[in-house]
Amino acid sequence: MTRHITAVAAMILAGTAISPVLAQEIKLAPTMAFTAYDTGTSGFNIAVGVGKMMKDKYGSDIRVLPAGNDVARLAPLRAGRAVLAWMGTGVYFAQEGVFEFGVKEWGPQALQMTLSTVDCNGLSVGVTKDAGVKEWKDFRGKRLGFVVGSPALNQNALAIIAYGGLTQKDVKIVEFASYGAMWKGLVNNDADGAFASTVTGPAKEVENSPRGLVWPPLPPEDKEAWARVKKVGAFFNPHVTTCGAAIEASKPQQLATYPYPIATTYATQPVDQVYSITKAMIDGYDLYKDSAPGSVGLEAKRQTKQWVIPFHPGAAKALKEAGNWTDADEKYNNDLIKRQGVLADAWKAYNTASTPAEADKFLSGWMAARKAALAKANLPNGFEE
């Protein structure tokens, strides 16, 4: 991937320049594979719904491969055995080459978006009602759930509490073996808060427990508080939430969200292939929008643009045809592609030199090299210590 990034970036920057776009015929492969979260999750169900549409409308057989973590979802895509990976924030961590992607086998990945979804649910830290937390500053000294081996999940939680000016040092971290165990910990009074989607089943269980559940607000009017959130989790945006546990549609809550799931490709995937896949999702929207919760968010006009991951040029072309791509979107997208080039060059330079054999020292050395390269390019780090 690294040796192709410069050429790919140049091709993308040239290929997505704002100019008249003519619609092409949708040509899907007879068989394709997607990867997604585990069976039964909203990401998996949405992928299945899109796949059924592609079978019914275009005759393309889609196989959805469930995978329990971000590495497992991206490996088939990188190997060319899948054409889309339906991702969460792991796509951002992979682009940046951090956490589990800061190892020698991976490094920063040139990943790009096709379509993603944002719906009525929010993504935040739910807190038990009996903890007495009205504002995020009240969470100081409380017990925050972490999941062992899930850096993305834990980073999300730290981003949310940053709204109240809190860091990991200001709370008591309680580690759990799994996401489900963490939320069961709230029921059992082993923790006071945990990160989740408001529509996740475990949150409903806490709401119905004697402890109860609240979602402390994240009002967008407090610009300084939101700047702290984005310093830890650049992928978060303010969001008016109207559905989920302990939330009434008639009383919207100001929480946070990011696109989930994100139908992800590599920069090296052919423009025509990604264009056809994206256009098929746009044109076939009415056939799958009610297939699973969250599917409605894939509508072209609802797309989250100018985010932290660039759109693939094939996707940008399809969105432009649909009337949902501007000059400002183009410029922002090109800047993100340039960032991927800076990261790829930094990774190549780091691995050309003599690197530590120990995994922890390799990662710390890479993070220092990454920080220096981004600073030299006058780009934000996103993972300040």
Protein backbone atom coordinates (compact mmCIF):
# COMPACT_ATOMS: atom_id res chain seq x y z
CA MET A 1 0.00 0.00 0.00
CA THR A 2 2.78 2.42 0.94
CA ARG A 3 4.61 2.14 -2.35
CA HIS A 4 1.44 2.92 -4.28
CA ILE A 5 0.12 5.79 -2.16
CA THR A 6 1.80 8.67 -3.99
CA ALA A 7 0.59 7.52 -7.39
CA VAL A 8 -2.85 6.72 -6.07
CA ALA A 9 -3.16 10.08 -4.35
CA ALA A 10 -2.16 11.90 -7.51
CA MET A 11 -4.69 9.89 -9.53
CA ILE A 12 -7.44 10.66 -7.00
CA LEU A 13 -6.65 14.35 -6.85
CA ALA A 14 -6.83 14.54 -10.62
CA GLY A 15 -9.79 12.22 -11.03
CA THR A 16 -12.15 13.97 -8.63
CA ALA A 17 -11.62 17.51 -9.80
CA ILE A 18 -14.91 19.36 -10.02
CA SER A 19 -16.10 19.01 -13.60
CA PRO A 20 -19.24 17.85 -15.42
CA VAL A 21 -19.96 14.23 -14.53
CA LEU A 22 -21.80 11.85 -16.82
CA ALA A 23 -23.71 8.95 -15.36
CA GLN A 24 -22.31 5.53 -16.15
CA GLU A 25 -24.02 2.21 -16.28
CA ILE A 26 -23.91 0.31 -12.99
CA LYS A 27 -21.76 -2.80 -13.43
CA LEU A 28 -21.49 -5.02 -10.37
CA ALA A 29 -19.47 -8.20 -10.20
CA PRO A 30 -21.54 -11.42 -10.22
CA THR A 31 -20.35 -12.19 -6.70
CA MET A 32 -18.91 -9.90 -4.02
CA ALA A 33 -18.02 -10.12 -0.34
CA PHE A 34 -18.55 -7.54 2.39
CA THR A 35 -17.12 -7.69 5.91
CA ALA A 36 -19.08 -6.36 8.88
CA TYR A 37 -19.44 -6.53 12.65
CA ASP A 38 -20.72 -9.70 14.31
CA THR A 39 -23.97 -11.37 13.24
CA GLY A 40 -26.98 -9.53 14.62
CA THR A 41 -25.29 -6.16 15.05
CA SER A 42 -26.74 -3.13 13.29
CA GLY A 43 -23.67 -2.96 11.02
CA PHE A 44 -24.10 -6.57 9.93
CA ASN A 45 -27.86 -6.17 9.41
CA ILE A 46 -27.44 -3.04 7.30
CA ALA A 47 -24.82 -4.78 5.14
CA VAL A 48 -27.19 -7.72 4.63
CA GLY A 49 -30.00 -5.35 3.60
CA VAL A 50 -27.78 -3.63 1.04
CA GLY A 51 -26.60 -7.00 -0.23
CA LYS A 52 -30.16 -8.21 -0.74
CA MET A 53 -30.93 -5.08 -2.76
CA MET A 54 -27.91 -5.73 -4.98
CA LYS A 55 -29.06 -9.30 -5.55
CA ASP A 56 -32.68 -8.34 -6.31
CA LYS A 57 -31.94 -5.27 -8.45
CA TYR A 58 -28.62 -6.12 -10.08
CA GLY A 59 -28.25 -9.89 -9.79
CA SER A 60 -25.04 -9.69 -7.77
CA ASP A 61 -24.66 -12.32 -5.03
CA ILE A 62 -23.34 -10.71 -1.85
CA ARG A 63 -21.76 -12.64 1.00
CA VAL A 64 -21.45 -10.77 4.32
CA LEU A 65 -18.54 -12.02 6.44
CA PRO A 66 -18.91 -11.26 10.19
CA ALA A 67 -15.72 -10.34 12.03
CA GLY A 68 -15.24 -9.53 15.70
CA ASN A 69 -12.65 -6.74 15.44
CA ASP A 70 -11.32 -4.07 13.11
CA VAL A 71 -8.25 -6.02 12.01
CA ALA A 72 -10.39 -9.01 11.07
CA ARG A 73 -12.77 -6.78 9.09
CA LEU A 74 -10.00 -5.07 7.15
CA ALA A 75 -7.77 -8.07 6.41
CA PRO A 76 -10.05 -9.50 3.66
CA LEU A 77 -10.45 -6.03 2.15
CA ARG A 78 -6.68 -5.47 2.07
CA ALA A 79 -6.19 -8.93 0.54
CA GLY A 80 -8.76 -8.24 -2.19
CA ARG A 81 -11.17 -10.92 -0.96
CA ALA A 82 -13.82 -8.32 -0.07
CA VAL A 83 -14.93 -5.14 -1.82
CA LEU A 84 -16.39 -3.33 1.21
CA ALA A 85 -15.73 -3.39 4.93
CA TRP A 86 -18.56 -1.97 7.03
CA MET A 87 -16.55 -0.22 9.74
CA GLY A 88 -16.87 2.01 12.80
CA THR A 89 -14.23 4.35 14.22
CA GLY A 90 -11.64 1.64 13.56
CA VAL A 91 -11.45 2.99 10.01
CA TYR A 92 -10.02 6.24 11.42
CA PHE A 93 -7.54 4.44 13.67
CA ALA A 94 -6.43 2.37 10.67
CA GLN A 95 -5.94 5.48 8.54
CA GLU A 96 -3.86 7.06 11.29
CA GLY A 97 -1.82 3.91 12.04
CA VAL A 98 -2.54 3.94 15.77
CA PHE A 99 -3.47 1.40 18.44
CA GLU A 100 -3.71 -2.07 16.87
CA PHE A 101 -2.70 -0.56 13.52
CA GLY A 102 0.58 0.80 14.87
CA VAL A 103 2.22 -2.63 14.51
CA LYS A 104 4.73 -3.58 11.83
CA GLU A 105 2.18 -5.72 9.96
CA TRP A 106 -0.17 -2.79 9.40
CA GLY A 107 0.72 0.88 9.75
CA PRO A 108 -1.43 3.70 8.30
CA GLN A 109 -3.95 2.46 5.75
CA ALA A 110 -5.21 4.48 2.76
CA LEU A 111 -8.88 3.81 3.49
CA GLN A 112 -11.72 5.77 1.92
CA MET A 113 -15.48 6.01 2.30
CA THR A 114 -18.36 5.21 -0.03
CA LEU A 115 -21.51 5.80 2.05
CA SER A 116 -22.10 5.85 5.80
CA THR A 117 -25.07 6.29 8.07
CA VAL A 118 -26.13 8.57 10.90
CA ASP A 119 -29.61 7.95 12.31
CA CYS A 120 -31.75 8.96 15.29
CA ASN A 121 -29.48 7.28 17.85
CA GLY A 122 -26.56 8.87 19.64
CA LEU A 123 -23.15 7.56 20.70
CA SER A 124 -22.01 8.53 24.15
CA VAL A 125 -21.31 7.36 27.69
CA GLY A 126 -24.40 6.22 29.52
CA VAL A 127 -24.35 6.83 33.28
CA THR A 128 -26.42 5.17 35.99
CA LYS A 129 -29.03 7.52 37.39
CA ASP A 130 -28.04 6.80 40.98
CA ALA A 131 -24.52 8.16 40.31
CA GLY A 132 -26.00 11.66 40.49
CA VAL A 133 -24.29 12.98 37.36
CA LYS A 134 -26.12 15.98 35.87
CA GLU A 135 -23.22 17.46 33.91
CA TRP A 136 -20.01 15.81 32.74
CA LYS A 137 -17.93 17.65 35.31
CA ASP A 138 -19.92 15.71 37.95
CA PHE A 139 -18.38 12.45 36.70
CA ARG A 140 -15.06 13.25 38.43
CA GLY A 141 -14.10 10.36 40.71
CA LYS A 142 -16.76 8.04 39.23
CA ARG A 143 -16.11 4.56 37.82
CA LEU A 144 -15.72 4.38 34.02
CA GLY A 145 -15.92 1.05 32.25
CA PHE A 146 -13.13 -0.02 29.89
CA VAL A 147 -12.93 -3.18 27.78
CA VAL A 148 -9.59 -5.01 27.70
CA GLY A 149 -8.22 -5.12 24.15
CA SER A 150 -10.68 -2.53 22.79
CA PRO A 151 -8.66 0.70 22.48
CA ALA A 152 -11.22 2.26 20.13
CA LEU A 153 -14.05 1.75 22.61
CA ASN A 154 -11.97 3.12 25.48
CA GLN A 155 -10.80 6.11 23.43
CA ASN A 156 -14.44 6.92 22.67
CA ALA A 157 -15.27 6.99 26.38
CA LEU A 158 -12.33 9.28 27.15
CA ALA A 159 -13.42 11.64 24.36
CA ILE A 160 -16.89 11.98 25.88
CA ILE A 161 -15.74 12.71 29.44
CA ALA A 162 -13.32 15.31 28.01
CA TYR A 163 -16.41 17.47 27.48
CA GLY A 164 -16.36 18.06 31.25
CA GLY A 165 -12.62 18.72 31.28
CA LEU A 166 -11.93 15.24 32.62
CA THR A 167 -9.16 12.83 31.67
CA GLN A 168 -8.43 9.22 32.56
CA LYS A 169 -6.66 10.45 35.71
CA ASP A 170 -9.86 12.08 36.97
CA VAL A 171 -11.93 8.88 37.01
CA LYS A 172 -11.60 5.32 38.27
CA ILE A 173 -11.09 2.92 35.38
CA VAL A 174 -12.77 -0.48 35.79
CA GLU A 175 -11.71 -3.06 33.21
CA PHE A 176 -14.04 -5.73 31.84
CA ALA A 177 -13.44 -8.69 29.53
CA SER A 178 -16.08 -7.68 26.97
CA TYR A 179 -18.57 -5.01 25.95
CA GLY A 180 -21.46 -7.04 27.35
CA ALA A 181 -19.67 -7.62 30.64
CA MET A 182 -18.98 -3.90 30.94
CA TRP A 183 -22.64 -2.98 30.64
CA LYS A 184 -23.58 -5.82 33.01
CA GLY A 185 -21.13 -4.14 35.38
CA LEU A 186 -23.37 -1.07 35.49
CA VAL A 187 -26.33 -3.25 36.49
CA ASN A 188 -24.21 -4.95 39.18
CA ASN A 189 -22.88 -1.65 40.57
CA ASP A 190 -19.29 -2.38 39.48
CA ALA A 191 -19.12 0.77 37.30
CA ASP A 192 -21.02 4.03 36.89
CA GLY A 193 -20.62 4.75 33.17
CA ALA A 194 -19.90 3.00 29.86
CA PHE A 195 -19.74 3.92 26.18
CA ALA A 196 -22.42 2.73 23.75
CA SER A 197 -25.00 3.58 21.16
CA THR A 198 -28.24 4.70 22.73
CA VAL A 199 -30.07 1.89 20.92
CA THR A 200 -27.87 -0.93 22.18
CA GLY A 201 -29.73 -3.65 24.06
CA PRO A 202 -27.53 -3.57 27.21
CA ALA A 203 -28.37 0.13 27.72
CA LYS A 204 -32.05 -0.77 27.83
CA GLU A 205 -31.26 -3.35 30.49
CA VAL A 206 -29.57 -0.71 32.65
CA GLU A 207 -32.49 1.67 32.13
CA ASN A 208 -34.86 -0.99 33.47
CA SER A 209 -32.60 -1.90 36.39
CA PRO A 210 -32.91 -0.36 39.89
CA ARG A 211 -29.95 1.91 39.07
CA GLY A 212 -31.58 3.54 36.04
CA LEU A 213 -29.81 5.30 33.15
CA VAL A 214 -29.12 8.85 31.98
CA TRP A 215 -27.10 10.34 29.14
CA PRO A 216 -25.41 13.55 30.40
CA PRO A 217 -25.80 16.19 27.67
CA LEU A 218 -23.08 17.50 25.36
CA PRO A 219 -24.52 20.88 24.25
CA PRO A 220 -22.83 22.09 21.04
CA GLU A 221 -22.98 25.70 22.24
CA ASP A 222 -19.98 25.08 24.49
CA LYS A 223 -17.30 25.34 21.82
CA GLU A 224 -14.39 24.88 24.24
CA ALA A 225 -15.90 21.68 25.63
CA TRP A 226 -16.42 20.30 22.13
CA ALA A 227 -12.85 21.23 21.19
CA ARG A 228 -11.71 19.00 24.07
CA VAL A 229 -13.92 16.16 22.81
CA LYS A 230 -12.50 16.42 19.30
CA LYS A 231 -8.91 16.56 20.55
CA VAL A 232 -9.38 13.05 21.93
CA GLY A 233 -11.90 11.79 19.36
CA ALA A 234 -11.71 13.87 16.17
CA PHE A 235 -14.42 11.69 14.62
CA PHE A 236 -17.22 12.85 16.98
CA ASN A 237 -19.84 15.43 16.01
CA PRO A 238 -22.72 16.95 18.01
CA HIS A 239 -26.00 15.14 17.37
CA VAL A 240 -29.64 15.63 18.31
CA THR A 241 -30.66 12.19 19.57
CA THR A 242 -34.29 11.09 19.51
CA CYS A 243 -34.18 7.32 20.02
CA GLY A 244 -32.74 4.79 22.42
CA ALA A 245 -32.76 3.73 26.04
CA ALA A 246 -33.86 6.48 28.46
CA ILE A 247 -34.62 8.81 25.55
CA GLU A 248 -38.04 10.05 24.44
CA ALA A 249 -38.57 11.20 20.85
CA SER A 250 -40.58 14.15 22.17
CA LYS A 251 -37.63 15.24 24.31
CA PRO A 252 -34.53 15.18 22.08
CA GLN A 253 -31.16 15.07 23.78
CA GLN A 254 -27.95 16.78 22.70
CA LEU A 255 -25.40 14.00 22.55
CA ALA A 256 -22.69 12.94 20.08
CA THR A 257 -22.32 10.62 17.13
CA TYR A 258 -20.15 9.57 14.24
CA PRO A 259 -21.04 7.65 11.09
CA TYR A 260 -21.70 3.96 11.72
CA PRO A 261 -21.39 1.77 9.83
CA ILE A 262 -19.04 3.17 7.19
CA ALA A 263 -18.87 1.25 3.91
CA THR A 264 -15.11 1.39 3.43
CA THR A 265 -12.76 0.74 0.50
CA TYR A 266 -9.05 1.13 -0.22
CA ALA A 267 -7.68 3.99 -2.31
CA THR A 268 -6.28 1.40 -4.73
CA GLN A 269 -9.68 -0.09 -5.58
CA PRO A 270 -10.75 0.78 -9.16
CA VAL A 271 -12.76 3.98 -9.57
CA ASP A 272 -15.36 2.31 -11.80
CA GLN A 273 -15.89 -0.51 -9.30
CA VAL A 274 -16.43 1.83 -6.35
CA TYR A 275 -18.57 4.15 -8.46
CA SER A 276 -20.90 1.29 -9.41
CA ILE A 277 -21.18 0.03 -5.85
CA THR A 278 -21.91 3.51 -4.49
CA LYS A 279 -24.35 4.40 -7.25
CA ALA A 280 -26.15 1.08 -6.72
CA MET A 281 -26.59 1.97 -3.03
CA ILE A 282 -27.88 5.42 -3.96
CA ASP A 283 -30.25 4.25 -6.71
CA GLY A 284 -31.46 1.22 -4.76
CA TYR A 285 -32.02 3.12 -1.51
CA ASP A 286 -35.80 2.62 -1.40
CA LEU A 287 -35.34 -1.15 -1.58
CA TYR A 288 -33.25 -1.41 1.60
CA LYS A 289 -33.90 1.72 3.68
CA ASP A 290 -36.37 -0.12 5.91
CA SER A 291 -34.43 -3.40 6.07
CA ALA A 292 -32.63 -2.66 9.36
CA PRO A 293 -32.42 0.13 11.96
CA GLY A 294 -30.01 2.78 10.73
CA SER A 295 -30.35 1.96 7.02
CA VAL A 296 -32.20 5.21 6.34
CA GLY A 297 -28.99 7.09 7.14
CA LEU A 298 -27.37 5.80 3.93
CA GLU A 299 -29.44 8.24 1.87
CA ALA A 300 -27.19 10.40 -0.32
CA LYS A 301 -28.40 13.70 1.12
CA ARG A 302 -27.69 12.52 4.68
CA GLN A 303 -24.00 11.78 4.12
CA THR A 304 -21.44 13.05 6.65
CA LYS A 305 -18.94 14.95 4.54
CA GLN A 306 -15.84 16.92 5.53
CA TRP A 307 -15.18 14.35 8.27
CA VAL A 308 -11.91 12.52 9.13
CA ILE A 309 -11.82 9.97 6.28
CA PRO A 310 -11.86 10.95 2.59
CA PHE A 311 -14.39 9.64 0.10
CA HIS A 312 -13.11 7.40 -2.69
CA PRO A 313 -13.17 9.21 -6.08
CA GLY A 314 -15.71 6.69 -7.37
CA ALA A 315 -18.00 7.49 -4.46
CA ALA A 316 -17.45 11.23 -4.90
CA LYS A 317 -18.47 10.89 -8.55
CA ALA A 318 -21.68 9.08 -7.61
CA LEU A 319 -22.50 11.66 -4.94
CA LYS A 320 -21.89 14.49 -7.37
CA GLU A 321 -24.30 12.92 -9.84
CA ALA A 322 -26.84 12.76 -7.00
CA GLY A 323 -26.36 16.49 -6.35
CA ASN A 324 -24.57 16.00 -3.04
CA TRP A 325 -20.98 17.10 -3.69
CA THR A 326 -19.67 20.69 -3.62
CA ASP A 327 -16.45 22.53 -4.37
CA ALA A 328 -15.88 22.82 -0.62
CA ASP A 329 -16.34 19.05 -0.24
CA GLU A 330 -13.81 18.51 -3.00
CA LYS A 331 -11.15 20.71 -1.44
CA TYR A 332 -11.61 19.17 2.01
CA ASN A 333 -11.48 15.67 0.53
CA ASN A 334 -8.25 16.37 -1.34
CA ASP A 335 -6.65 17.67 1.86
CA LEU A 336 -7.54 14.41 3.63
CA ILE A 337 -5.98 12.42 0.79
CA LYS A 338 -2.81 14.48 1.15
CA ARG A 339 -2.80 13.61 4.87
CA GLN A 340 -2.86 9.93 3.97
CA GLY A 341 0.17 10.52 1.78
CA VAL A 342 2.06 12.20 4.63
CA LEU A 343 1.30 9.27 6.94
CA ALA A 344 2.34 6.72 4.31
CA ASP A 345 5.64 8.50 3.69
CA ALA A 346 6.30 8.73 7.43
CA TRP A 347 5.63 5.00 7.85
CA LYS A 348 7.95 4.12 4.97
CA ALA A 349 10.73 6.30 6.38
CA TYR A 350 10.29 4.85 9.87
CA ASN A 351 10.50 1.27 8.64
CA THR A 352 13.48 2.02 6.40
CA ALA A 353 15.49 2.86 9.49
CA SER A 354 16.40 0.34 12.19
CA THR A 355 13.26 -0.16 14.28
CA PRO A 356 12.92 -1.81 17.71
CA ALA A 357 11.96 -5.47 17.74
CA GLU A 358 9.80 -5.15 20.85
CA ALA A 359 6.19 -4.34 19.99
CA ASP A 360 5.73 -1.62 22.61
CA LYS A 361 8.98 0.13 21.68
CA PHE A 362 8.15 -0.17 17.98
CA LEU A 363 4.78 1.50 18.59
CA SER A 364 6.19 4.31 20.73
CA GLY A 365 8.90 4.98 18.16
CA TRP A 366 6.32 5.08 15.37
CA MET A 367 4.05 7.43 17.32
CA ALA A 368 6.98 9.82 17.78
CA ALA A 369 7.85 9.64 14.06
CA ARG A 370 4.18 10.09 13.15
CA LYS A 371 3.88 13.14 15.39
CA ALA A 372 6.97 14.75 13.87
CA ALA A 373 5.81 14.12 10.28
CA LEU A 374 2.37 15.61 10.89
CA ALA A 375 3.83 18.62 12.67
CA LYS A 376 6.22 19.22 9.76
CA ALA A 377 3.25 19.14 7.37
CA ASN A 378 1.32 21.48 9.68
CA LEU A 379 -1.37 18.85 10.21
CA PRO A 380 -3.13 17.98 13.49
CA ASN A 381 -1.93 14.93 15.38
CA GLY A 382 -5.28 13.74 16.70
CA PHE A 383 -3.65 11.54 19.35
CA GLU A 384 -1.91 13.88 21.76
CA GLU A 385 -0.56 12.25 24.88
